[in-house]
Amino acid sequence: MQAIRVRTTQNVFIEYPVGSVGDRILAFLLDRLILIVYSIFIVALFINANMEVAWIWMMTLGLPWLFYHLLFEVFMNGQSPGKRVMKIQVVRLDGTPPTIGNYIMRWIFSFIDYYVLSGVIAVVIIAMGGKGQRLGDVVAGTSVIKLTERGEVAAGEIFVSPEETYEPTFTQVIQLTESDIELIQRALEVNRDHGNAQPLMVVTERIKSLLGIQTDLPPIKFLYTIVKDFNHITSK
């Protein structure tokens, strides 16, 4: 399965599987089905209500077809209903959250991808590009990833409630933030679930450098100790 490395805002690279062509086609078809059902409902409603105003017909039926993907991706964090069902999501390759501008660029070029060049060309570009990008993604600097199921790290594994007599090993952890602890948790999850130790090593060096710590503890044990110390000190 193709994969891309996405850099997080903490300069840690996380590897995600690229959304497959099949997933994207099925998501597209599900979204089209939703639009078709909506259109049938509106037509039946308007016929029953004897609606004869042309511009109301055009706006009520046309605007959803025109702006469907743009609005859903903006307000559903890079997903349309079809993408959510297929568990795929639009992301930026630089790790920062996609902006409205990114979504607009994808939307504008979707007309080229799906209509001017035909959907077949878009499928070929996605399949051959290696990063899960159609033309609109290339221009916007985005891709579509597969949201794999990841078991959360259990509270007993990380957020251990130290006993009252527990003495923190690294008191410098008071300098850390909740975001730092979340980053540590993410790195531990990636190592456990995917066998990818690179984020673990990068986070370990970052924490050591940030806190001025020198230790021979293995990275996993070091990070668990950091989180346990943080939990103990901040719980007081």
C-alpha atoms as a PDB file:
ATOM      1  CA  MET A   1       0.000   0.000   0.000  1.00  0.00           C
ATOM      2  CA  GLN A   2       1.295   3.465  -0.905  1.00  0.00           C
ATOM      3  CA  ALA A   3       2.011   5.776   2.013  1.00  0.00           C
ATOM      4  CA  ILE A   4       2.994   9.383   2.534  1.00  0.00           C
ATOM      5  CA  ARG A   5       4.933  11.005   5.321  1.00  0.00           C
ATOM      6  CA  VAL A   6       3.106  13.961   6.794  1.00  0.00           C
ATOM      7  CA  ARG A   7       5.025  16.397   8.944  1.00  0.00           C
ATOM      8  CA  THR A   8       3.245  17.497  12.099  1.00  0.00           C
ATOM      9  CA  THR A   9       3.480  21.014  13.484  1.00  0.00           C
ATOM     10  CA  GLN A  10       6.083  19.663  15.938  1.00  0.00           C
ATOM     11  CA  ASN A  11       8.316  18.661  12.984  1.00  0.00           C
ATOM     12  CA  VAL A  12       7.664  14.959  13.515  1.00  0.00           C
ATOM     13  CA  PHE A  13       6.936  12.851  10.452  1.00  0.00           C
ATOM     14  CA  ILE A  14       4.028  10.406  10.707  1.00  0.00           C
ATOM     15  CA  GLU A  15       3.419   7.861   7.969  1.00  0.00           C
ATOM     16  CA  TYR A  16      -0.147   7.443   6.728  1.00  0.00           C
ATOM     17  CA  PRO A  17      -1.469   5.054   4.084  1.00  0.00           C
ATOM     18  CA  VAL A  18      -2.733   6.874   1.024  1.00  0.00           C
ATOM     19  CA  GLY A  19      -6.441   6.636   0.337  1.00  0.00           C
ATOM     20  CA  SER A  20      -6.795   4.076  -2.436  1.00  0.00           C
ATOM     21  CA  VAL A  21      -8.346   4.828  -5.807  1.00  0.00           C
ATOM     22  CA  GLY A  22     -11.134   2.395  -4.933  1.00  0.00           C
ATOM     23  CA  ASP A  23     -11.904   4.198  -1.663  1.00  0.00           C
ATOM     24  CA  ARG A  24     -12.028   7.539  -3.417  1.00  0.00           C
ATOM     25  CA  ILE A  25     -14.265   6.263  -6.213  1.00  0.00           C
ATOM     26  CA  LEU A  26     -16.679   4.704  -3.720  1.00  0.00           C
ATOM     27  CA  ALA A  27     -16.688   7.903  -1.651  1.00  0.00           C
ATOM     28  CA  PHE A  28     -17.425   9.901  -4.807  1.00  0.00           C
ATOM     29  CA  LEU A  29     -20.262   7.561  -5.773  1.00  0.00           C
ATOM     30  CA  LEU A  30     -21.766   7.734  -2.262  1.00  0.00           C
ATOM     31  CA  ASP A  31     -21.696  11.522  -2.413  1.00  0.00           C
ATOM     32  CA  ARG A  32     -23.353  11.434  -5.831  1.00  0.00           C
ATOM     33  CA  LEU A  33     -26.032   9.108  -4.482  1.00  0.00           C
ATOM     34  CA  ILE A  34     -26.751  11.572  -1.679  1.00  0.00           C
ATOM     35  CA  LEU A  35     -27.115  14.392  -4.223  1.00  0.00           C
ATOM     36  CA  ILE A  36     -29.381  12.293  -6.439  1.00  0.00           C
ATOM     37  CA  VAL A  37     -31.660  11.355  -3.524  1.00  0.00           C
ATOM     38  CA  TYR A  38     -31.739  15.024  -2.456  1.00  0.00           C
ATOM     39  CA  SER A  39     -32.648  16.131  -5.994  1.00  0.00           C
ATOM     40  CA  ILE A  40     -35.447  13.551  -6.299  1.00  0.00           C
ATOM     41  CA  PHE A  41     -36.859  14.703  -2.963  1.00  0.00           C
ATOM     42  CA  ILE A  42     -36.758  18.395  -3.968  1.00  0.00           C
ATOM     43  CA  VAL A  43     -38.334  17.737  -7.381  1.00  0.00           C
ATOM     44  CA  ALA A  44     -41.143  15.722  -5.797  1.00  0.00           C
ATOM     45  CA  LEU A  45     -41.657  18.435  -3.176  1.00  0.00           C
ATOM     46  CA  PHE A  46     -41.768  21.245  -5.739  1.00  0.00           C
ATOM     47  CA  ILE A  47     -44.119  19.346  -8.063  1.00  0.00           C
ATOM     48  CA  ASN A  48     -46.442  18.634  -5.165  1.00  0.00           C
ATOM     49  CA  ALA A  49     -46.329  22.313  -4.157  1.00  0.00           C
ATOM     50  CA  ASN A  50     -46.852  23.487  -7.769  1.00  0.00           C
ATOM     51  CA  MET A  51     -43.620  25.484  -7.614  1.00  0.00           C
ATOM     52  CA  GLU A  52     -43.186  27.276 -10.948  1.00  0.00           C
ATOM     53  CA  VAL A  53     -40.545  29.885 -10.135  1.00  0.00           C
ATOM     54  CA  ALA A  54     -37.554  28.957 -12.307  1.00  0.00           C
ATOM     55  CA  TRP A  55     -34.827  30.629 -10.260  1.00  0.00           C
ATOM     56  CA  ILE A  56     -35.916  28.810  -7.097  1.00  0.00           C
ATOM     57  CA  TRP A  57     -35.667  25.513  -8.973  1.00  0.00           C
ATOM     58  CA  MET A  58     -32.217  26.421 -10.265  1.00  0.00           C
ATOM     59  CA  MET A  59     -30.833  27.543  -6.914  1.00  0.00           C
ATOM     60  CA  THR A  60     -32.341  24.742  -4.832  1.00  0.00           C
ATOM     61  CA  LEU A  61     -31.217  22.036  -7.221  1.00  0.00           C
ATOM     62  CA  GLY A  62     -28.051  23.555  -8.685  1.00  0.00           C
ATOM     63  CA  LEU A  63     -26.217  25.074  -5.728  1.00  0.00           C
ATOM     64  CA  PRO A  64     -25.919  21.838  -3.714  1.00  0.00           C
ATOM     65  CA  TRP A  65     -24.437  20.045  -6.747  1.00  0.00           C
ATOM     66  CA  LEU A  66     -22.021  22.934  -7.305  1.00  0.00           C
ATOM     67  CA  PHE A  67     -20.778  23.502  -3.747  1.00  0.00           C
ATOM     68  CA  TYR A  68     -21.367  20.094  -2.103  1.00  0.00           C
ATOM     69  CA  HIS A  69     -17.743  18.964  -1.810  1.00  0.00           C
ATOM     70  CA  LEU A  70     -16.335  22.393  -1.003  1.00  0.00           C
ATOM     71  CA  LEU A  71     -18.713  23.095   1.881  1.00  0.00           C
ATOM     72  CA  PHE A  72     -18.525  19.635   3.398  1.00  0.00           C
ATOM     73  CA  GLU A  73     -14.723  19.550   3.281  1.00  0.00           C
ATOM     74  CA  VAL A  74     -14.503  23.009   4.878  1.00  0.00           C
ATOM     75  CA  PHE A  75     -16.952  22.239   7.683  1.00  0.00           C
ATOM     76  CA  MET A  76     -16.167  18.521   8.166  1.00  0.00           C
ATOM     77  CA  ASN A  77     -12.388  18.823   8.437  1.00  0.00           C
ATOM     78  CA  GLY A  78     -11.506  17.531   4.998  1.00  0.00           C
ATOM     79  CA  GLN A  79     -14.288  15.001   4.651  1.00  0.00           C
ATOM     80  CA  SER A  80     -17.534  14.714   2.744  1.00  0.00           C
ATOM     81  CA  PRO A  81     -20.152  12.201   3.906  1.00  0.00           C
ATOM     82  CA  GLY A  82     -18.795   9.730   1.357  1.00  0.00           C
ATOM     83  CA  LYS A  83     -15.218  10.248   2.547  1.00  0.00           C
ATOM     84  CA  ARG A  84     -16.301   9.799   6.153  1.00  0.00           C
ATOM     85  CA  VAL A  85     -17.986   6.488   5.359  1.00  0.00           C
ATOM     86  CA  MET A  86     -14.851   5.309   3.532  1.00  0.00           C
ATOM     87  CA  LYS A  87     -12.616   6.696   6.309  1.00  0.00           C
ATOM     88  CA  ILE A  88     -10.515   8.917   4.093  1.00  0.00           C
ATOM     89  CA  GLN A  89      -9.619  12.558   4.664  1.00  0.00           C
ATOM     90  CA  VAL A  90      -7.970  15.499   2.919  1.00  0.00           C
ATOM     91  CA  VAL A  91      -4.711  16.620   4.582  1.00  0.00           C
ATOM     92  CA  ARG A  92      -1.918  19.030   3.761  1.00  0.00           C
ATOM     93  CA  LEU A  93       1.462  17.515   3.046  1.00  0.00           C
ATOM     94  CA  ASP A  94       3.248  19.990   5.308  1.00  0.00           C
ATOM     95  CA  GLY A  95       1.288  18.780   8.344  1.00  0.00           C
ATOM     96  CA  THR A  96      -0.643  21.993   8.970  1.00  0.00           C
ATOM     97  CA  PRO A  97      -4.451  21.923   8.818  1.00  0.00           C
ATOM     98  CA  PRO A  98      -5.851  22.574   5.326  1.00  0.00           C
ATOM     99  CA  THR A  99      -7.049  26.141   4.860  1.00  0.00           C
ATOM    100  CA  ILE A 100     -10.189  27.327   3.122  1.00  0.00           C
ATOM    101  CA  GLY A 101      -7.895  28.362   0.282  1.00  0.00           C
ATOM    102  CA  ASN A 102      -6.627  24.788  -0.066  1.00  0.00           C
ATOM    103  CA  TYR A 103     -10.171  23.450  -0.216  1.00  0.00           C
ATOM    104  CA  ILE A 104     -11.147  26.101  -2.777  1.00  0.00           C
ATOM    105  CA  MET A 105      -8.193  25.192  -5.008  1.00  0.00           C
ATOM    106  CA  ARG A 106      -9.124  21.478  -4.837  1.00  0.00           C
ATOM    107  CA  TRP A 107     -12.727  22.402  -5.646  1.00  0.00           C
ATOM    108  CA  ILE A 108     -11.838  24.612  -8.629  1.00  0.00           C
ATOM    109  CA  PHE A 109      -9.546  22.018 -10.155  1.00  0.00           C
ATOM    110  CA  SER A 110     -12.082  19.257  -9.545  1.00  0.00           C
ATOM    111  CA  PHE A 111     -13.935  20.550 -12.593  1.00  0.00           C
ATOM    112  CA  ILE A 112     -10.802  19.914 -14.652  1.00  0.00           C
ATOM    113  CA  ASP A 113     -10.129  16.568 -12.982  1.00  0.00           C
ATOM    114  CA  TYR A 114     -13.637  15.214 -13.376  1.00  0.00           C
ATOM    115  CA  TYR A 115     -15.093  17.007 -16.382  1.00  0.00           C
ATOM    116  CA  VAL A 116     -12.500  18.674 -18.653  1.00  0.00           C
ATOM    117  CA  LEU A 117      -9.950  15.858 -18.423  1.00  0.00           C
ATOM    118  CA  SER A 118     -12.583  13.296 -17.454  1.00  0.00           C
ATOM    119  CA  GLY A 119     -12.584  11.200 -14.298  1.00  0.00           C
ATOM    120  CA  VAL A 120     -10.428   8.572 -15.979  1.00  0.00           C
ATOM    121  CA  ILE A 121      -7.492  10.983 -16.159  1.00  0.00           C
ATOM    122  CA  ALA A 122      -7.947  11.889 -12.469  1.00  0.00           C
ATOM    123  CA  VAL A 123      -7.854   8.188 -11.546  1.00  0.00           C
ATOM    124  CA  VAL A 124      -4.669   7.679 -13.583  1.00  0.00           C
ATOM    125  CA  ILE A 125      -2.978  10.681 -11.956  1.00  0.00           C
ATOM    126  CA  ILE A 126      -3.896   9.434  -8.477  1.00  0.00           C
ATOM    127  CA  ALA A 127      -2.770   5.882  -9.200  1.00  0.00           C
ATOM    128  CA  MET A 128       0.562   6.855 -10.753  1.00  0.00           C
ATOM    129  CA  GLY A 129       1.538   9.864  -8.664  1.00  0.00           C
ATOM    130  CA  GLY A 130       2.541   7.962  -5.543  1.00  0.00           C
ATOM    131  CA  LYS A 131       1.091  10.496  -3.116  1.00  0.00           C
ATOM    132  CA  GLY A 132      -2.627   9.999  -3.686  1.00  0.00           C
ATOM    133  CA  GLN A 133      -2.952  13.336  -5.467  1.00  0.00           C
ATOM    134  CA  ARG A 134      -5.181  14.326  -8.332  1.00  0.00           C
ATOM    135  CA  LEU A 135      -4.405  17.581 -10.160  1.00  0.00           C
ATOM    136  CA  GLY A 136      -6.352  19.613  -7.621  1.00  0.00           C
ATOM    137  CA  ASP A 137      -4.337  18.087  -4.776  1.00  0.00           C
ATOM    138  CA  VAL A 138      -1.036  18.853  -6.516  1.00  0.00           C
ATOM    139  CA  VAL A 139      -2.001  22.501  -6.901  1.00  0.00           C
ATOM    140  CA  ALA A 140      -3.361  22.769  -3.336  1.00  0.00           C
ATOM    141  CA  GLY A 141      -0.485  20.850  -1.713  1.00  0.00           C
ATOM    142  CA  THR A 142      -2.865  18.276  -0.294  1.00  0.00           C
ATOM    143  CA  SER A 143      -3.457  14.548  -0.440  1.00  0.00           C
ATOM    144  CA  VAL A 144      -6.109  12.089   0.718  1.00  0.00           C
ATOM    145  CA  ILE A 145      -5.118   9.637   3.451  1.00  0.00           C
ATOM    146  CA  LYS A 146      -6.732   6.532   4.871  1.00  0.00           C
ATOM    147  CA  LEU A 147      -7.731   6.900   8.505  1.00  0.00           C
ATOM    148  CA  THR A 148      -6.559   3.596   9.916  1.00  0.00           C
ATOM    149  CA  GLU A 149      -7.964   2.307  13.155  1.00  0.00           C
ATOM    150  CA  ARG A 150      -5.559   2.889  15.984  1.00  0.00           C
ATOM    151  CA  GLY A 151      -6.095   1.601  19.441  1.00  0.00           C
ATOM    152  CA  GLU A 152      -5.712   4.363  21.929  1.00  0.00           C
ATOM    153  CA  VAL A 153      -2.949   4.032  24.454  1.00  0.00           C
ATOM    154  CA  ALA A 154      -4.722   2.957  27.621  1.00  0.00           C
ATOM    155  CA  ALA A 155      -4.658   5.151  30.675  1.00  0.00           C
ATOM    156  CA  GLY A 156      -2.835   2.395  32.504  1.00  0.00           C
ATOM    157  CA  GLU A 157      -0.089   2.486  29.902  1.00  0.00           C
ATOM    158  CA  ILE A 158       0.648   6.180  29.943  1.00  0.00           C
ATOM    159  CA  PHE A 159      -1.375   8.224  32.356  1.00  0.00           C
ATOM    160  CA  VAL A 160      -0.452   6.135  35.337  1.00  0.00           C
ATOM    161  CA  SER A 161      -1.633   7.517  38.625  1.00  0.00           C
ATOM    162  CA  PRO A 162       1.545   7.439  40.663  1.00  0.00           C
ATOM    163  CA  GLU A 163       1.345   6.419  44.263  1.00  0.00           C
ATOM    164  CA  GLU A 164       1.530   9.132  46.880  1.00  0.00           C
ATOM    165  CA  THR A 165       5.138   8.268  47.686  1.00  0.00           C
ATOM    166  CA  TYR A 166       6.213   8.425  44.058  1.00  0.00           C
ATOM    167  CA  GLU A 167       9.257  10.601  43.442  1.00  0.00           C
ATOM    168  CA  PRO A 168       9.493  12.084  39.927  1.00  0.00           C
ATOM    169  CA  THR A 169      12.655  11.214  38.055  1.00  0.00           C
ATOM    170  CA  PHE A 170      12.669  14.333  35.896  1.00  0.00           C
ATOM    171  CA  THR A 171      11.258  17.367  37.678  1.00  0.00           C
ATOM    172  CA  GLN A 172      11.931  19.443  34.558  1.00  0.00           C
ATOM    173  CA  VAL A 173       8.683  18.071  33.095  1.00  0.00           C
ATOM    174  CA  ILE A 174       6.909  21.046  34.649  1.00  0.00           C
ATOM    175  CA  GLN A 175       8.160  22.974  31.592  1.00  0.00           C
ATOM    176  CA  LEU A 176       6.133  20.786  29.244  1.00  0.00           C
ATOM    177  CA  THR A 177       2.655  21.516  27.953  1.00  0.00           C
ATOM    178  CA  GLU A 178      -0.330  19.284  27.312  1.00  0.00           C
ATOM    179  CA  SER A 179       0.537  19.459  23.602  1.00  0.00           C
ATOM    180  CA  ASP A 180       3.973  18.015  24.340  1.00  0.00           C
ATOM    181  CA  ILE A 181       2.391  15.136  26.252  1.00  0.00           C
ATOM    182  CA  GLU A 182      -0.067  14.490  23.412  1.00  0.00           C
ATOM    183  CA  LEU A 183       2.864  14.382  20.991  1.00  0.00           C
ATOM    184  CA  ILE A 184       4.609  11.806  23.176  1.00  0.00           C
ATOM    185  CA  GLN A 185       1.432   9.724  23.287  1.00  0.00           C
ATOM    186  CA  ARG A 186       1.112   9.877  19.500  1.00  0.00           C
ATOM    187  CA  ALA A 187       4.722   8.764  19.007  1.00  0.00           C
ATOM    188  CA  LEU A 188       4.232   5.833  21.375  1.00  0.00           C
ATOM    189  CA  GLU A 189       1.036   4.815  19.539  1.00  0.00           C
ATOM    190  CA  VAL A 190       2.750   4.904  16.133  1.00  0.00           C
ATOM    191  CA  ASN A 191       5.620   2.783  17.449  1.00  0.00           C
ATOM    192  CA  ARG A 192       3.262   0.285  19.062  1.00  0.00           C
ATOM    193  CA  ASP A 193       0.698   0.008  16.279  1.00  0.00           C
ATOM    194  CA  HIS A 194       2.879   0.362  13.174  1.00  0.00           C
ATOM    195  CA  GLY A 195       6.385  -0.526  14.324  1.00  0.00           C
ATOM    196  CA  ASN A 196       7.585   2.905  13.183  1.00  0.00           C
ATOM    197  CA  ALA A 197      10.223   4.028  15.699  1.00  0.00           C
ATOM    198  CA  GLN A 198      11.247   7.205  13.884  1.00  0.00           C
ATOM    199  CA  PRO A 199       8.695   9.523  15.559  1.00  0.00           C
ATOM    200  CA  LEU A 200       9.654   7.946  18.894  1.00  0.00           C
ATOM    201  CA  MET A 201      13.330   8.761  18.395  1.00  0.00           C
ATOM    202  CA  VAL A 202      12.636  12.297  17.187  1.00  0.00           C
ATOM    203  CA  VAL A 203      10.339  13.063  20.114  1.00  0.00           C
ATOM    204  CA  THR A 204      12.849  11.589  22.580  1.00  0.00           C
ATOM    205  CA  GLU A 205      15.618  13.855  21.302  1.00  0.00           C
ATOM    206  CA  ARG A 206      13.265  16.850  21.272  1.00  0.00           C
ATOM    207  CA  ILE A 207      12.235  16.322  24.901  1.00  0.00           C
ATOM    208  CA  LYS A 208      15.818  15.746  26.029  1.00  0.00           C
ATOM    209  CA  SER A 209      16.949  18.912  24.284  1.00  0.00           C
ATOM    210  CA  LEU A 210      14.003  20.963  25.551  1.00  0.00           C
ATOM    211  CA  LEU A 211      14.485  19.906  29.174  1.00  0.00           C
ATOM    212  CA  GLY A 212      18.263  19.597  29.143  1.00  0.00           C
ATOM    213  CA  ILE A 213      18.147  15.925  30.139  1.00  0.00           C
ATOM    214  CA  GLN A 214      20.947  13.407  29.704  1.00  0.00           C
ATOM    215  CA  THR A 215      19.955   9.810  30.399  1.00  0.00           C
ATOM    216  CA  ASP A 216      20.720   6.288  29.258  1.00  0.00           C
ATOM    217  CA  LEU A 217      17.101   5.171  29.565  1.00  0.00           C
ATOM    218  CA  PRO A 218      15.735   3.486  26.408  1.00  0.00           C
ATOM    219  CA  PRO A 219      13.461   5.867  24.450  1.00  0.00           C
ATOM    220  CA  ILE A 220      10.218   4.051  25.300  1.00  0.00           C
ATOM    221  CA  LYS A 221      10.970   3.848  29.021  1.00  0.00           C
ATOM    222  CA  PHE A 222      12.183   7.453  28.999  1.00  0.00           C
ATOM    223  CA  LEU A 223       8.967   8.759  27.435  1.00  0.00           C
ATOM    224  CA  TYR A 224       6.748   6.727  29.760  1.00  0.00           C
ATOM    225  CA  THR A 225       8.714   8.131  32.702  1.00  0.00           C
ATOM    226  CA  ILE A 226       8.313  11.668  31.383  1.00  0.00           C
ATOM    227  CA  VAL A 227       4.540  11.283  31.130  1.00  0.00           C
ATOM    228  CA  LYS A 228       4.284   9.645  34.540  1.00  0.00           C
ATOM    229  CA  ASP A 229       6.333  12.448  36.108  1.00  0.00           C
ATOM    230  CA  PHE A 230       4.218  15.081  34.345  1.00  0.00           C
ATOM    231  CA  ASN A 231       1.009  13.444  35.505  1.00  0.00           C
ATOM    232  CA  HIS A 232       2.239  13.278  39.090  1.00  0.00           C
ATOM    233  CA  ILE A 233       3.471  16.855  39.280  1.00  0.00           C
ATOM    234  CA  THR A 234       0.523  18.494  37.510  1.00  0.00           C
ATOM    235  CA  SER A 235      -2.053  16.515  39.495  1.00  0.00           C
ATOM    236  CA  LYS A 236      -1.026  18.165  42.724  1.00  0.00           C
END
